[in-house]
Amino acid sequence: MRSPHLPAQARGSSLVETLVATALGLLVLVLSTNSVLAVVVSESHSGTAKALSKSLEFARAEAAQHRSPVAICGLDARDANVSSGPVRCAQPGTAWQAGWIVFGDTNLNGELDDGEVVLQVSRGTQLGVRPESDGSTSAPITFRPVGTLAHATARRLLVGSDPQAAPTQAVCVAIDGYTRVLAVNAACQ
């Protein structure tokens, strides 16, 4: 006859042990999901910063090559989903969430006027790019015919999830026209 009591090694886990193991497993899953999400968001911001940097480098090169002023401005949100036809610059000081436009700015006024040639349009949704604003730096970025900035100070464009969120990277355009992707707190010279 068998004993009604099973040895400790033969019995299964209790409900409490099962619940604790399940809770720990869920905690690990949540923490790893947040980490993966943070990496994906960081890569998205990095990709946006790199694309913006490439467009700025393109604008500088076009200005120097053609010996004519070239500017870059935010794309008006109304033109975000329009694949062809005329495009407009966003209002100065607004976020570049819809993308940006590189154009020949023959009169150096920082505006896309009739007769000025659009060289590149980069579209995206919710890019979270915004010009750093100190009152004077919210206008489009313009390069002189020699490739330097038409502005007296370096310019920064902040990249984040959206315009209200804290930015994660900055794209710096130095006075000499060269572009770098930096940490948000790094100096732009």
C-alpha atoms as a PDB file:
ATOM      1  CA  MET A   1       0.000   0.000   0.000  1.00  0.00           C
ATOM      2  CA  ARG A   2       1.224   3.503  -0.909  1.00  0.00           C
ATOM      3  CA  SER A   3       1.565   6.328   1.500  1.00  0.00           C
ATOM      4  CA  PRO A   4      -1.028   9.085   1.057  1.00  0.00           C
ATOM      5  CA  HIS A   5       1.742  11.667   1.300  1.00  0.00           C
ATOM      6  CA  LEU A   6       4.029  12.156  -1.691  1.00  0.00           C
ATOM      7  CA  PRO A   7       7.672  13.014  -1.158  1.00  0.00           C
ATOM      8  CA  ALA A   8       8.611  16.699  -1.638  1.00  0.00           C
ATOM      9  CA  GLN A   9      10.399  15.948  -4.941  1.00  0.00           C
ATOM     10  CA  ALA A  10       7.307  14.373  -6.473  1.00  0.00           C
ATOM     11  CA  ARG A  11       4.764  17.096  -5.840  1.00  0.00           C
ATOM     12  CA  GLY A  12       4.108  19.904  -8.400  1.00  0.00           C
ATOM     13  CA  SER A  13       4.376  23.649  -7.923  1.00  0.00           C
ATOM     14  CA  SER A  14       1.854  25.520  -5.862  1.00  0.00           C
ATOM     15  CA  LEU A  15      -0.445  28.193  -7.223  1.00  0.00           C
ATOM     16  CA  VAL A  16       1.600  30.904  -5.490  1.00  0.00           C
ATOM     17  CA  GLU A  17       4.833  29.629  -7.070  1.00  0.00           C
ATOM     18  CA  THR A  18       3.196  29.550 -10.499  1.00  0.00           C
ATOM     19  CA  LEU A  19       1.857  33.094 -10.102  1.00  0.00           C
ATOM     20  CA  VAL A  20       5.255  34.423  -8.954  1.00  0.00           C
ATOM     21  CA  ALA A  21       7.000  32.771 -11.914  1.00  0.00           C
ATOM     22  CA  THR A  22       4.392  34.167 -14.324  1.00  0.00           C
ATOM     23  CA  ALA A  23       4.721  37.674 -12.849  1.00  0.00           C
ATOM     24  CA  LEU A  24       8.513  37.551 -13.167  1.00  0.00           C
ATOM     25  CA  GLY A  25       8.228  36.376 -16.751  1.00  0.00           C
ATOM     26  CA  LEU A  26       5.821  39.193 -17.594  1.00  0.00           C
ATOM     27  CA  LEU A  27       8.110  41.734 -15.918  1.00  0.00           C
ATOM     28  CA  VAL A  28      11.067  40.560 -18.011  1.00  0.00           C
ATOM     29  CA  LEU A  29       8.896  40.702 -21.141  1.00  0.00           C
ATOM     30  CA  VAL A  30       7.707  44.264 -20.400  1.00  0.00           C
ATOM     31  CA  LEU A  31      11.225  45.499 -19.632  1.00  0.00           C
ATOM     32  CA  SER A  32      12.666  43.929 -22.764  1.00  0.00           C
ATOM     33  CA  THR A  33       9.812  45.328 -24.891  1.00  0.00           C
ATOM     34  CA  ASN A  34      10.499  48.837 -23.565  1.00  0.00           C
ATOM     35  CA  SER A  35      14.195  48.418 -24.335  1.00  0.00           C
ATOM     36  CA  VAL A  36      13.483  47.253 -27.879  1.00  0.00           C
ATOM     37  CA  LEU A  37      11.013  50.111 -28.364  1.00  0.00           C
ATOM     38  CA  ALA A  38      13.621  52.617 -27.126  1.00  0.00           C
ATOM     39  CA  VAL A  39      16.141  51.247 -29.633  1.00  0.00           C
ATOM     40  CA  VAL A  40      13.616  51.467 -32.477  1.00  0.00           C
ATOM     41  CA  VAL A  41      12.694  55.065 -31.576  1.00  0.00           C
ATOM     42  CA  SER A  42      16.369  56.014 -31.273  1.00  0.00           C
ATOM     43  CA  GLU A  43      17.123  54.509 -34.692  1.00  0.00           C
ATOM     44  CA  SER A  44      14.157  56.372 -36.172  1.00  0.00           C
ATOM     45  CA  HIS A  45      15.468  59.676 -34.788  1.00  0.00           C
ATOM     46  CA  SER A  46      18.954  58.824 -35.995  1.00  0.00           C
ATOM     47  CA  GLY A  47      17.618  58.078 -39.485  1.00  0.00           C
ATOM     48  CA  THR A  48      15.724  61.384 -39.571  1.00  0.00           C
ATOM     49  CA  ALA A  49      18.808  63.293 -38.381  1.00  0.00           C
ATOM     50  CA  LYS A  50      20.982  61.603 -41.023  1.00  0.00           C
ATOM     51  CA  ALA A  51      18.464  62.279 -43.814  1.00  0.00           C
ATOM     52  CA  LEU A  52      18.210  65.925 -42.778  1.00  0.00           C
ATOM     53  CA  SER A  53      21.993  66.193 -42.620  1.00  0.00           C
ATOM     54  CA  LYS A  54      22.272  64.742 -46.142  1.00  0.00           C
ATOM     55  CA  SER A  55      19.731  67.260 -47.464  1.00  0.00           C
ATOM     56  CA  LEU A  56      21.654  70.109 -45.842  1.00  0.00           C
ATOM     57  CA  GLU A  57      24.905  68.817 -47.376  1.00  0.00           C
ATOM     58  CA  PHE A  58      23.139  68.589 -50.738  1.00  0.00           C
ATOM     59  CA  ALA A  59      21.915  72.193 -50.427  1.00  0.00           C
ATOM     60  CA  ARG A  60      25.417  73.419 -49.573  1.00  0.00           C
ATOM     61  CA  ALA A  61      26.953  71.496 -52.481  1.00  0.00           C
ATOM     62  CA  GLU A  62      24.337  72.829 -54.925  1.00  0.00           C
ATOM     63  CA  ALA A  63      24.991  76.404 -53.805  1.00  0.00           C
ATOM     64  CA  ALA A  64      28.740  76.015 -54.273  1.00  0.00           C
ATOM     65  CA  GLN A  65      28.489  74.092 -57.553  1.00  0.00           C
ATOM     66  CA  HIS A  66      26.029  76.448 -59.247  1.00  0.00           C
ATOM     67  CA  ARG A  67      27.332  79.607 -57.550  1.00  0.00           C
ATOM     68  CA  SER A  68      23.792  80.512 -56.558  1.00  0.00           C
ATOM     69  CA  PRO A  69      22.065  80.725 -53.134  1.00  0.00           C
ATOM     70  CA  VAL A  70      20.215  77.596 -52.003  1.00  0.00           C
ATOM     71  CA  ALA A  71      17.869  77.340 -49.013  1.00  0.00           C
ATOM     72  CA  ILE A  72      16.143  74.599 -47.053  1.00  0.00           C
ATOM     73  CA  CYS A  73      12.845  75.083 -45.244  1.00  0.00           C
ATOM     74  CA  GLY A  74      10.210  72.954 -43.585  1.00  0.00           C
ATOM     75  CA  LEU A  75       7.536  71.496 -45.874  1.00  0.00           C
ATOM     76  CA  ASP A  76       4.073  72.901 -45.268  1.00  0.00           C
ATOM     77  CA  ALA A  77       1.889  70.214 -43.690  1.00  0.00           C
ATOM     78  CA  ARG A  78      -0.752  70.750 -46.403  1.00  0.00           C
ATOM     79  CA  ASP A  79       1.767  69.420 -48.956  1.00  0.00           C
ATOM     80  CA  ALA A  80       2.786  66.328 -46.986  1.00  0.00           C
ATOM     81  CA  ASN A  81       0.614  63.875 -48.918  1.00  0.00           C
ATOM     82  CA  VAL A  82       0.797  65.558 -52.326  1.00  0.00           C
ATOM     83  CA  SER A  83       3.193  63.619 -54.540  1.00  0.00           C
ATOM     84  CA  SER A  84       3.554  66.226 -57.279  1.00  0.00           C
ATOM     85  CA  GLY A  85       2.849  69.847 -58.029  1.00  0.00           C
ATOM     86  CA  PRO A  86       3.916  72.989 -56.258  1.00  0.00           C
ATOM     87  CA  VAL A  87       5.053  72.850 -52.645  1.00  0.00           C
ATOM     88  CA  ARG A  88       5.201  75.525 -49.954  1.00  0.00           C
ATOM     89  CA  CYS A  89       7.517  76.236 -47.054  1.00  0.00           C
ATOM     90  CA  ALA A  90       6.067  75.915 -43.570  1.00  0.00           C
ATOM     91  CA  GLN A  91       5.688  79.108 -41.581  1.00  0.00           C
ATOM     92  CA  PRO A  92       8.949  80.202 -39.918  1.00  0.00           C
ATOM     93  CA  GLY A  93       9.230  78.844 -36.398  1.00  0.00           C
ATOM     94  CA  THR A  94       6.964  75.846 -36.988  1.00  0.00           C
ATOM     95  CA  ALA A  95       8.081  72.228 -36.778  1.00  0.00           C
ATOM     96  CA  TRP A  96       9.202  70.395 -39.884  1.00  0.00           C
ATOM     97  CA  GLN A  97       6.936  67.406 -39.210  1.00  0.00           C
ATOM     98  CA  ALA A  98       5.925  66.950 -42.848  1.00  0.00           C
ATOM     99  CA  GLY A  99       9.481  67.082 -44.221  1.00  0.00           C
ATOM    100  CA  TRP A 100      11.622  69.751 -45.884  1.00  0.00           C
ATOM    101  CA  ILE A 101      12.311  71.427 -49.226  1.00  0.00           C
ATOM    102  CA  VAL A 102      15.660  72.341 -50.791  1.00  0.00           C
ATOM    103  CA  PHE A 103      15.296  75.143 -53.334  1.00  0.00           C
ATOM    104  CA  GLY A 104      17.283  77.721 -55.257  1.00  0.00           C
ATOM    105  CA  ASP A 105      16.829  80.968 -53.339  1.00  0.00           C
ATOM    106  CA  THR A 106      18.006  83.406 -56.002  1.00  0.00           C
ATOM    107  CA  ASN A 107      16.947  86.535 -54.111  1.00  0.00           C
ATOM    108  CA  LEU A 108      18.304  85.332 -50.717  1.00  0.00           C
ATOM    109  CA  ASN A 109      15.036  86.034 -48.917  1.00  0.00           C
ATOM    110  CA  GLY A 110      14.621  82.528 -47.453  1.00  0.00           C
ATOM    111  CA  GLU A 111      11.241  82.051 -49.129  1.00  0.00           C
ATOM    112  CA  LEU A 112      10.239  79.799 -51.994  1.00  0.00           C
ATOM    113  CA  ASP A 113       9.093  82.380 -54.534  1.00  0.00           C
ATOM    114  CA  ASP A 114       7.570  81.945 -57.994  1.00  0.00           C
ATOM    115  CA  GLY A 115      10.278  81.040 -60.490  1.00  0.00           C
ATOM    116  CA  GLU A 116      12.659  79.561 -57.900  1.00  0.00           C
ATOM    117  CA  VAL A 117      13.590  75.957 -58.590  1.00  0.00           C
ATOM    118  CA  VAL A 118      12.746  73.162 -56.140  1.00  0.00           C
ATOM    119  CA  LEU A 119      15.789  70.878 -56.016  1.00  0.00           C
ATOM    120  CA  GLN A 120      14.621  68.279 -53.491  1.00  0.00           C
ATOM    121  CA  VAL A 121      11.520  67.477 -51.457  1.00  0.00           C
ATOM    122  CA  SER A 122      11.787  65.091 -48.505  1.00  0.00           C
ATOM    123  CA  ARG A 123       8.464  63.964 -47.137  1.00  0.00           C
ATOM    124  CA  GLY A 124       7.693  62.082 -43.967  1.00  0.00           C
ATOM    125  CA  THR A 125       5.053  61.912 -41.306  1.00  0.00           C
ATOM    126  CA  GLN A 126       5.610  62.999 -37.731  1.00  0.00           C
ATOM    127  CA  LEU A 127       9.330  63.601 -38.172  1.00  0.00           C
ATOM    128  CA  GLY A 128       9.624  65.754 -35.066  1.00  0.00           C
ATOM    129  CA  VAL A 129      12.219  68.145 -36.556  1.00  0.00           C
ATOM    130  CA  ARG A 130      12.126  71.712 -35.364  1.00  0.00           C
ATOM    131  CA  PRO A 131      14.459  74.648 -35.775  1.00  0.00           C
ATOM    132  CA  GLU A 132      15.997  75.744 -32.507  1.00  0.00           C
ATOM    133  CA  SER A 133      14.494  79.137 -31.932  1.00  0.00           C
ATOM    134  CA  ASP A 134      16.128  82.056 -30.214  1.00  0.00           C
ATOM    135  CA  GLY A 135      14.028  84.613 -32.044  1.00  0.00           C
ATOM    136  CA  SER A 136      16.335  84.885 -35.042  1.00  0.00           C
ATOM    137  CA  THR A 137      16.961  81.301 -36.084  1.00  0.00           C
ATOM    138  CA  SER A 138      13.489  80.071 -36.925  1.00  0.00           C
ATOM    139  CA  ALA A 139      13.674  81.035 -40.622  1.00  0.00           C
ATOM    140  CA  PRO A 140      14.806  78.673 -43.404  1.00  0.00           C
ATOM    141  CA  ILE A 141      18.521  77.897 -43.640  1.00  0.00           C
ATOM    142  CA  THR A 142      20.183  79.567 -46.611  1.00  0.00           C
ATOM    143  CA  PHE A 143      23.600  78.855 -48.124  1.00  0.00           C
ATOM    144  CA  ARG A 144      25.544  81.535 -50.021  1.00  0.00           C
ATOM    145  CA  PRO A 145      27.019  80.779 -53.460  1.00  0.00           C
ATOM    146  CA  VAL A 146      30.327  79.845 -51.794  1.00  0.00           C
ATOM    147  CA  GLY A 147      28.633  77.246 -49.545  1.00  0.00           C
ATOM    148  CA  THR A 148      28.710  79.187 -46.277  1.00  0.00           C
ATOM    149  CA  LEU A 149      25.653  80.098 -44.251  1.00  0.00           C
ATOM    150  CA  ALA A 150      23.919  83.328 -45.112  1.00  0.00           C
ATOM    151  CA  HIS A 151      23.280  83.709 -41.358  1.00  0.00           C
ATOM    152  CA  ALA A 152      25.693  85.196 -38.823  1.00  0.00           C
ATOM    153  CA  THR A 153      25.347  82.260 -36.423  1.00  0.00           C
ATOM    154  CA  ALA A 154      25.410  78.489 -36.591  1.00  0.00           C
ATOM    155  CA  ARG A 155      21.980  76.870 -36.901  1.00  0.00           C
ATOM    156  CA  ARG A 156      20.546  73.889 -35.021  1.00  0.00           C
ATOM    157  CA  LEU A 157      17.642  71.656 -35.929  1.00  0.00           C
ATOM    158  CA  LEU A 158      16.361  69.465 -33.110  1.00  0.00           C
ATOM    159  CA  VAL A 159      15.138  65.928 -33.790  1.00  0.00           C
ATOM    160  CA  GLY A 160      12.717  64.109 -31.489  1.00  0.00           C
ATOM    161  CA  SER A 161       9.478  62.163 -31.425  1.00  0.00           C
ATOM    162  CA  ASP A 162       7.356  65.246 -31.921  1.00  0.00           C
ATOM    163  CA  PRO A 163       7.814  68.984 -31.519  1.00  0.00           C
ATOM    164  CA  GLN A 164       6.577  69.007 -27.916  1.00  0.00           C
ATOM    165  CA  ALA A 165       8.774  66.110 -26.741  1.00  0.00           C
ATOM    166  CA  ALA A 166      12.353  66.515 -25.623  1.00  0.00           C
ATOM    167  CA  PRO A 167      14.670  66.175 -28.631  1.00  0.00           C
ATOM    168  CA  THR A 168      17.136  63.291 -28.763  1.00  0.00           C
ATOM    169  CA  GLN A 169      19.563  64.631 -31.375  1.00  0.00           C
ATOM    170  CA  ALA A 170      20.563  67.898 -32.997  1.00  0.00           C
ATOM    171  CA  VAL A 171      21.711  68.636 -36.527  1.00  0.00           C
ATOM    172  CA  CYS A 172      24.181  71.506 -36.486  1.00  0.00           C
ATOM    173  CA  VAL A 173      25.016  73.673 -39.481  1.00  0.00           C
ATOM    174  CA  ALA A 174      28.179  75.669 -38.783  1.00  0.00           C
ATOM    175  CA  ILE A 175      28.790  79.107 -40.269  1.00  0.00           C
ATOM    176  CA  ASP A 176      31.124  77.513 -42.834  1.00  0.00           C
ATOM    177  CA  GLY A 177      28.155  75.422 -44.028  1.00  0.00           C
ATOM    178  CA  TYR A 178      29.333  72.042 -42.767  1.00  0.00           C
ATOM    179  CA  THR A 179      26.752  69.835 -41.102  1.00  0.00           C
ATOM    180  CA  ARG A 180      27.089  67.469 -38.127  1.00  0.00           C
ATOM    181  CA  VAL A 181      24.695  65.292 -36.141  1.00  0.00           C
ATOM    182  CA  LEU A 182      25.256  65.898 -32.431  1.00  0.00           C
ATOM    183  CA  ALA A 183      23.876  65.077 -29.035  1.00  0.00           C
ATOM    184  CA  VAL A 184      21.244  67.598 -27.986  1.00  0.00           C
ATOM    185  CA  ASN A 185      23.434  69.180 -25.306  1.00  0.00           C
ATOM    186  CA  ALA A 186      26.532  69.484 -27.533  1.00  0.00           C
ATOM    187  CA  ALA A 187      27.640  72.923 -28.664  1.00  0.00           C
ATOM    188  CA  CYS A 188      26.939  73.890 -32.249  1.00  0.00           C
ATOM    189  CA  GLN A 189      29.773  75.975 -33.688  1.00  0.00           C
END
